[in-house]
Amino acid sequence: VSWYRNTVWFVKGLREYTSGYKPASKHFNPADVEVNVSGRSFLVTSANSGIGKATAKEIARRGGTVHLLCQNKERAEVTKGEIVTETGNHVSSFSVFCLLLERLLFLFTEVVLQINNAGCMVNNRELTEDGLEKIFATNTLGTYILTTALLPLLEKKADARVITVSSGGMLVQKLNISDLQSGNGTFDGTMVYAQNKRQQVVLTEQRAKTHRNIHFSVMHPGWADTPTVRWSIPGFYQKMKDMLRTEAQGADTVVWLAVSSEVTKLPSGLFFQDRQPVPTHLPLASTHSPPEDEEKLMEVLEEFSQKFKSTSSG
């Protein structure tokens, strides 16, 4: 099954995730993103490079107030300076390690749209200071905790949205809740990353069911030439570098999901690629999971988040 999934997915990727952007863009409506979003406040995680930086820049160009939430304060400040210089708009930057969730609620009371762009992929199993497997902690648990913290604020806003940058790699994975921290068997960072991205899709679908006042979406940016791709999967990068999308092309659908009024005409909880909702499963790939597993994922993440909060406060 895994051989079939990987083969079908890679063929799909060669056709759609690289040069597929150009034929897809012929059907884009430029007016969708030619909008002024002044007066609206956007939070973008991991915005100091790659897709996050390109997204933040495009939102700032359209007048939106942008908050950059990054791991490295110094790099965030450099990015902030670049965006302010290029767009003349207001941007603020924060280090994720310097913020408690309660502080987040105070700082981001005006946020109406959250973009979960932070991602991590390492080739060897590493633990955070809290004893959590690093990829899971960043991609799944971090996304869950930050969104949970902001939900009470977003629920009160008009046209509130939560967008998560996922990956088409999730198509090769079936949700696995039995080993969320990848402690069993041989560690394969690429497959752990893909599993986390499947979890993000499930998270989005589950949130959409329970928070009807917020529009949730998850998307695949395609295979883009970003710093993360270069250092985390160098072999893939060397083979594909002449075919990869630009950062701006990878960020296009994120920007569209963030600013276009057309988005909220579509159901909440969908998975997007090149401004279109696309299936979350490959044909005959056996990646569907029972509803009880998806509900269990939410329960386990809440348990993890409660432990994390008690550890942080302690």
Foldseek 3Di string as FASTA:
>chain_A
DLVVQVVVLVVVQVCCQFVVLVVLCVPDDVVQLQAAPAPAEEEFEQCLWFLNVLLQLSNLLNRYEYEYEYQDQVSQVVSQVVSCVVRVHHYHYDHPVVDDLVVVCVVPLRHQEYEAEWADFAADFDADPVRATPRLVTLALVVVLNCVSCLVSNLPDQAGEYEYEAALLLQSAAADPPCLRPPDDDDGRSVNSSNSSVLVLLVQQVCCVVRVRYAYEYEHLGFADIPNCCPRPVVVCVVCVVRHHYSNSSNVLVSSCVRGPVNVVDRGSFYDDSVDGDDSYDPPSPRYDDPVSSVVSVVVSVVVSVVVSVVVVD
